[in-house]
């Protein structure tokens, strides 16, 4: 027998959320695929959905952002449903928990603490996390974050407790210092006997310092690099297309010939 279908349109946020809970509960009890899912099986799907949302944001596609937000909300409700089945927590516990945390960590809104700017808010946030039992300011940085994102989060959290450069000129000086140290590793005996492990470490230091400088000039390094990736892909695919139109394969072309199409792509 078909399941009772909730009303097609909910007019308020609370009713829309209840509709999602109802649909998910029905699927969990009646759909063979949904019945089998665990937090572990959903994990990689949630990561995929998060990246799809990220793509939509970078594309500026609001319709796609709306859709991907819905997919993520479904996943969050699914985890809460599984938590209720194991009697560990319910969706009510989850929502109340995040509300309590937000209230506690915004004493400048819900208490008598005064702040002058967003930097004060960040510093208070990190101090409150330590009071709540976190052993380290950096303890909240997920180990599985991509390295570039992790570098930025580490630096932001350190800044939250006052461990930071004072001027962006100091940060740029550090970038140049790390660049010279990296270059020095490849100037040993004209590239002979290079200590690859040390060179890799110096390259990591260089990237870390660049992320730091990007933070000082309000550039998100992850977004910046991804936009460059996309730009390169578009230009390279243009090169492939033009080569094919002229009956050529890239592997048979010289760099000078490919540069002609590459420069055309840049103009487009």
Protein backbone atom coordinates (compact mmCIF):
# COMPACT_ATOMS: atom_id res chain seq x y z
CA UNK A 1 0.00 0.00 0.00
CA UNK A 2 1.42 3.44 -0.91
CA UNK A 3 2.59 5.57 1.99
CA UNK A 4 0.58 8.62 2.94
CA UNK A 5 2.21 11.53 1.13
CA UNK A 6 2.54 14.74 3.20
CA UNK A 7 1.13 17.94 1.69
CA UNK A 8 3.11 19.05 -1.35
CA UNK A 9 3.79 22.54 -0.07
CA UNK A 10 4.50 23.65 3.49
CA UNK A 11 3.96 27.35 4.10
CA UNK A 12 6.20 27.85 7.17
CA UNK A 13 9.72 26.69 8.15
CA UNK A 14 8.45 24.59 11.08
CA UNK A 15 5.91 22.78 8.91
CA UNK A 16 8.46 22.27 6.13
CA UNK A 17 10.92 20.78 8.63
CA UNK A 18 8.21 18.51 10.03
CA UNK A 19 7.41 17.41 6.47
CA UNK A 20 11.05 16.43 5.96
CA UNK A 21 11.06 14.46 9.22
CA UNK A 22 7.88 12.67 8.17
CA UNK A 23 9.21 11.78 4.72
CA UNK A 24 12.50 10.53 6.16
CA UNK A 25 10.73 8.43 8.79
CA UNK A 26 8.61 6.81 6.08
CA UNK A 27 11.62 6.08 3.89
CA UNK A 28 13.57 4.66 6.81
CA UNK A 29 10.82 2.15 7.58
CA UNK A 30 9.67 1.28 4.06
CA UNK A 31 12.48 1.79 1.52
CA UNK A 32 14.96 -1.12 1.22
CA UNK A 33 17.90 1.22 0.49
CA UNK A 34 17.14 3.67 3.30
CA UNK A 35 16.65 0.81 5.76
CA UNK A 36 20.22 -0.39 5.16
CA UNK A 37 21.99 2.91 5.72
CA UNK A 38 24.24 3.58 8.70
CA UNK A 39 26.21 6.65 9.71
CA UNK A 40 29.27 5.06 8.14
CA UNK A 41 27.59 4.38 4.79
CA UNK A 42 26.16 7.90 4.69
CA UNK A 43 29.46 9.57 5.56
CA UNK A 44 31.05 9.55 2.09
CA UNK A 45 27.75 10.57 0.51
CA UNK A 46 27.53 13.56 2.85
CA UNK A 47 31.06 14.60 1.92
CA UNK A 48 30.10 14.38 -1.76
CA UNK A 49 26.99 16.50 -1.17
CA UNK A 50 29.10 19.10 0.64
CA UNK A 51 31.44 19.38 -2.33
CA UNK A 52 28.48 19.68 -4.68
CA UNK A 53 27.20 22.57 -2.58
CA UNK A 54 30.68 24.11 -2.73
CA UNK A 55 30.67 23.84 -6.54
CA UNK A 56 27.25 25.49 -6.74
CA UNK A 57 28.44 28.35 -4.53
CA UNK A 58 31.51 28.95 -6.68
CA UNK A 59 29.30 28.87 -9.79
CA UNK A 60 26.91 31.38 -8.23
CA UNK A 61 24.04 29.06 -9.18
CA UNK A 62 21.33 29.89 -6.63
CA UNK A 63 18.91 27.23 -7.89
CA UNK A 64 21.60 24.58 -7.48
CA UNK A 65 22.59 25.94 -4.06
CA UNK A 66 18.97 25.60 -2.94
CA UNK A 67 18.87 22.00 -4.14
CA UNK A 68 22.17 21.04 -2.54
CA UNK A 69 21.17 22.64 0.76
CA UNK A 70 18.09 20.41 0.72
CA UNK A 71 20.23 17.34 0.11
CA UNK A 72 22.48 18.24 3.04
CA UNK A 73 19.51 18.87 5.33
CA UNK A 74 18.16 15.46 4.42
CA UNK A 75 21.47 13.90 5.43
CA UNK A 76 21.50 15.72 8.76
CA UNK A 77 17.98 14.55 9.54
CA UNK A 78 18.97 11.01 8.51
CA UNK A 79 21.86 10.99 11.01
CA UNK A 80 19.52 12.24 13.73
CA UNK A 81 17.02 9.50 12.88
CA UNK A 82 19.73 6.85 13.20
CA UNK A 83 20.83 8.39 16.50
CA UNK A 84 17.30 8.12 17.83
CA UNK A 85 17.14 4.44 16.83
CA UNK A 86 20.23 3.70 18.90
CA UNK A 87 18.83 5.90 21.70
CA UNK A 88 21.96 8.08 21.65
CA UNK A 89 20.21 11.33 20.65
CA UNK A 90 17.20 12.71 18.79
CA UNK A 91 16.79 15.52 16.30
CA UNK A 92 15.39 17.57 19.19
CA UNK A 93 18.60 16.99 21.15
CA UNK A 94 20.65 18.04 18.14
CA UNK A 95 18.71 21.26 17.58
CA UNK A 96 18.62 22.21 21.26
CA UNK A 97 22.32 21.45 21.54
CA UNK A 98 23.33 23.79 18.75
CA UNK A 99 20.99 26.52 20.04
CA UNK A 100 22.51 26.24 23.53
CA UNK A 101 26.02 26.42 22.07
CA UNK A 102 25.24 29.49 19.99
CA UNK A 103 23.68 31.27 22.97
CA UNK A 104 26.60 30.41 25.26
CA UNK A 105 29.21 31.49 22.72
CA UNK A 106 27.54 34.83 21.96
CA UNK A 107 27.59 36.51 25.36
CA UNK A 108 27.78 39.87 23.57
CA UNK A 109 24.25 39.16 22.33
CA UNK A 110 22.75 37.07 25.13
CA UNK A 111 24.82 38.44 28.01
CA UNK A 112 26.65 41.54 29.18
CA UNK A 113 29.95 41.10 27.33
CA UNK A 114 30.95 44.01 25.08
CA UNK A 115 32.77 43.64 21.75
CA UNK A 116 34.10 46.19 19.28
CA UNK A 117 34.35 44.10 16.12
CA UNK A 118 34.25 40.63 14.63
CA UNK A 119 37.80 39.92 15.80
CA UNK A 120 36.67 40.33 19.41
CA UNK A 121 33.87 37.87 18.70
CA UNK A 122 36.35 35.29 17.35
CA UNK A 123 38.66 35.68 20.35
CA UNK A 124 35.76 35.23 22.77
CA UNK A 125 34.61 32.17 20.83
CA UNK A 126 37.97 30.44 21.20
CA UNK A 127 38.28 31.34 24.88
CA UNK A 128 34.81 29.97 25.58
CA UNK A 129 35.67 26.72 23.80
CA UNK A 130 38.67 26.28 26.12
CA UNK A 131 36.44 26.90 29.15
CA UNK A 132 34.07 24.24 27.86
CA UNK A 133 36.83 21.65 28.13
CA UNK A 134 38.81 21.83 24.90
CA UNK A 135 42.45 21.11 25.77
CA UNK A 136 43.83 23.02 22.80
CA UNK A 137 42.71 25.92 20.66
CA UNK A 138 43.61 23.76 17.66
CA UNK A 139 41.76 20.72 18.96
CA UNK A 140 38.65 21.59 16.98
CA UNK A 141 40.39 21.44 13.60
CA UNK A 142 39.28 18.18 11.92
CA UNK A 143 42.20 15.91 11.10
CA UNK A 144 40.66 14.93 7.76
CA UNK A 145 40.31 18.49 6.40
CA UNK A 146 42.13 19.10 3.10
CA UNK A 147 45.59 20.48 3.92
CA UNK A 148 45.01 23.90 2.34
CA UNK A 149 41.76 24.43 4.25
CA UNK A 150 43.32 23.08 7.43
CA UNK A 151 46.20 25.55 7.21
CA UNK A 152 43.75 28.43 7.09
CA UNK A 153 41.69 27.14 10.01
CA UNK A 154 44.81 26.57 12.12
CA UNK A 155 45.94 30.13 11.50
CA UNK A 156 42.51 31.60 12.22
CA UNK A 157 42.27 29.74 15.53
CA UNK A 158 45.78 30.78 16.57
CA UNK A 159 44.88 34.36 15.74
CA UNK A 160 41.82 34.04 17.96
CA UNK A 161 44.07 33.85 21.04
CA UNK A 162 46.48 36.57 19.89
CA UNK A 163 49.16 34.41 18.24
CA UNK A 164 49.57 36.25 14.95
CA UNK A 165 51.65 38.73 12.99
CA UNK A 166 50.98 42.41 13.53
CA UNK A 167 51.49 43.67 9.97
CA UNK A 168 50.93 42.06 6.59
CA UNK A 169 54.42 43.27 5.57
CA UNK A 170 55.83 40.91 8.20
CA UNK A 171 53.87 38.05 6.69
CA UNK A 172 55.13 38.84 3.19
CA UNK A 173 58.69 38.95 4.51
CA UNK A 174 58.08 35.43 5.86
CA UNK A 175 56.81 34.32 2.44
CA UNK A 176 60.01 35.59 0.81
CA UNK A 177 62.13 33.95 3.50
CA UNK A 178 60.42 30.58 2.97
CA UNK A 179 60.74 30.96 -0.81
CA UNK A 180 64.49 31.48 -0.50
CA UNK A 181 64.83 28.50 1.82
CA UNK A 182 62.90 26.34 -0.64
CA UNK A 183 65.00 27.54 -3.58
CA UNK A 184 68.18 26.84 -1.62
CA UNK A 185 67.27 23.17 -1.43
CA UNK A 186 67.38 22.98 -5.24
CA UNK A 187 70.62 24.87 -5.67
CA UNK A 188 72.73 22.20 -4.01
CA UNK A 189 75.37 20.92 -6.41
CA UNK A 190 73.19 21.77 -9.41
CA UNK A 191 70.30 19.56 -8.37
CA UNK A 192 72.51 16.69 -7.25
CA UNK A 193 72.06 15.00 -3.87
CA UNK A 194 68.87 16.91 -3.09
CA UNK A 195 67.30 16.06 0.25
CA UNK A 196 63.76 15.48 -1.02
CA UNK A 197 62.25 15.22 2.43
CA UNK A 198 63.77 18.53 3.50
CA UNK A 199 62.73 20.17 0.21
CA UNK A 200 59.18 18.94 0.74
CA UNK A 201 59.22 20.43 4.23
CA UNK A 202 60.41 23.78 2.90
CA UNK A 203 57.73 23.72 0.21
CA UNK A 204 55.12 23.06 2.91
CA UNK A 205 56.45 26.02 4.89
CA UNK A 206 56.17 28.18 1.78
CA UNK A 207 52.56 27.16 1.17
CA UNK A 208 51.69 27.73 4.82
CA UNK A 209 53.16 31.24 4.70
CA UNK A 210 51.25 32.01 1.49
CA UNK A 211 48.00 30.88 3.12
CA UNK A 212 48.86 33.18 6.03
CA UNK A 213 49.37 36.15 3.71
CA UNK A 214 46.14 35.39 1.87
CA UNK A 215 44.34 35.54 5.21
CA UNK A 216 45.84 38.96 5.91
CA UNK A 217 44.57 40.37 2.62
CA UNK A 218 41.17 38.66 2.99
CA UNK A 219 41.58 36.09 0.23
CA UNK A 220 40.29 32.56 0.71
CA UNK A 221 43.16 30.41 -0.65
CA UNK A 222 40.94 27.39 -1.27
CA UNK A 223 38.51 29.45 -3.36
CA UNK A 224 41.36 31.20 -5.16
CA UNK A 225 43.07 27.94 -6.13
CA UNK A 226 39.82 26.31 -7.19
CA UNK A 227 38.99 29.26 -9.45
CA UNK A 228 42.43 28.93 -11.03
CA UNK A 229 41.84 25.19 -11.49
CA UNK A 230 38.58 25.90 -13.28
CA UNK A 231 40.19 28.57 -15.43
CA UNK A 232 42.95 26.17 -16.45
CA UNK A 233 40.42 23.43 -17.28
CA UNK A 234 38.41 25.76 -19.53
CA UNK A 235 41.49 26.97 -21.36
CA UNK A 236 42.90 23.47 -21.77
CA UNK A 237 39.60 22.14 -23.09
CA UNK A 238 39.50 25.03 -25.57
CA UNK A 239 42.98 24.00 -26.69
CA UNK A 240 41.82 20.39 -27.13
CA UNK A 241 38.75 21.50 -29.08
CA UNK A 242 40.70 23.72 -31.46
CA UNK A 243 43.33 21.06 -32.02
CA UNK A 244 40.63 18.51 -32.86
CA UNK A 245 38.94 20.94 -35.26
CA UNK A 246 42.23 21.17 -37.11
CA UNK A 247 42.72 17.42 -37.15
CA UNK A 248 45.58 17.47 -34.68
CA UNK A 249 46.35 15.56 -31.47
CA UNK A 250 47.96 17.45 -28.62
CA UNK A 251 50.70 14.85 -28.19
CA UNK A 252 51.82 15.50 -31.78
CA UNK A 253 51.91 19.28 -31.43
CA UNK A 254 54.81 21.45 -30.33
CA UNK A 255 54.51 23.74 -27.33
CA UNK A 256 54.66 26.71 -29.70
CA UNK A 257 51.65 25.38 -31.63
CA UNK A 258 49.71 24.74 -28.43
CA UNK A 259 50.56 28.22 -27.16
CA UNK A 260 48.68 29.73 -30.10
CA UNK A 261 45.43 28.09 -28.99
CA UNK A 262 46.20 28.75 -25.32
CA UNK A 263 46.54 32.46 -25.96
CA UNK A 264 43.27 32.41 -27.89
CA UNK A 265 41.64 30.74 -24.90
CA UNK A 266 42.93 33.46 -22.59
CA UNK A 267 41.31 36.11 -24.81
CA UNK A 268 38.00 34.26 -24.65
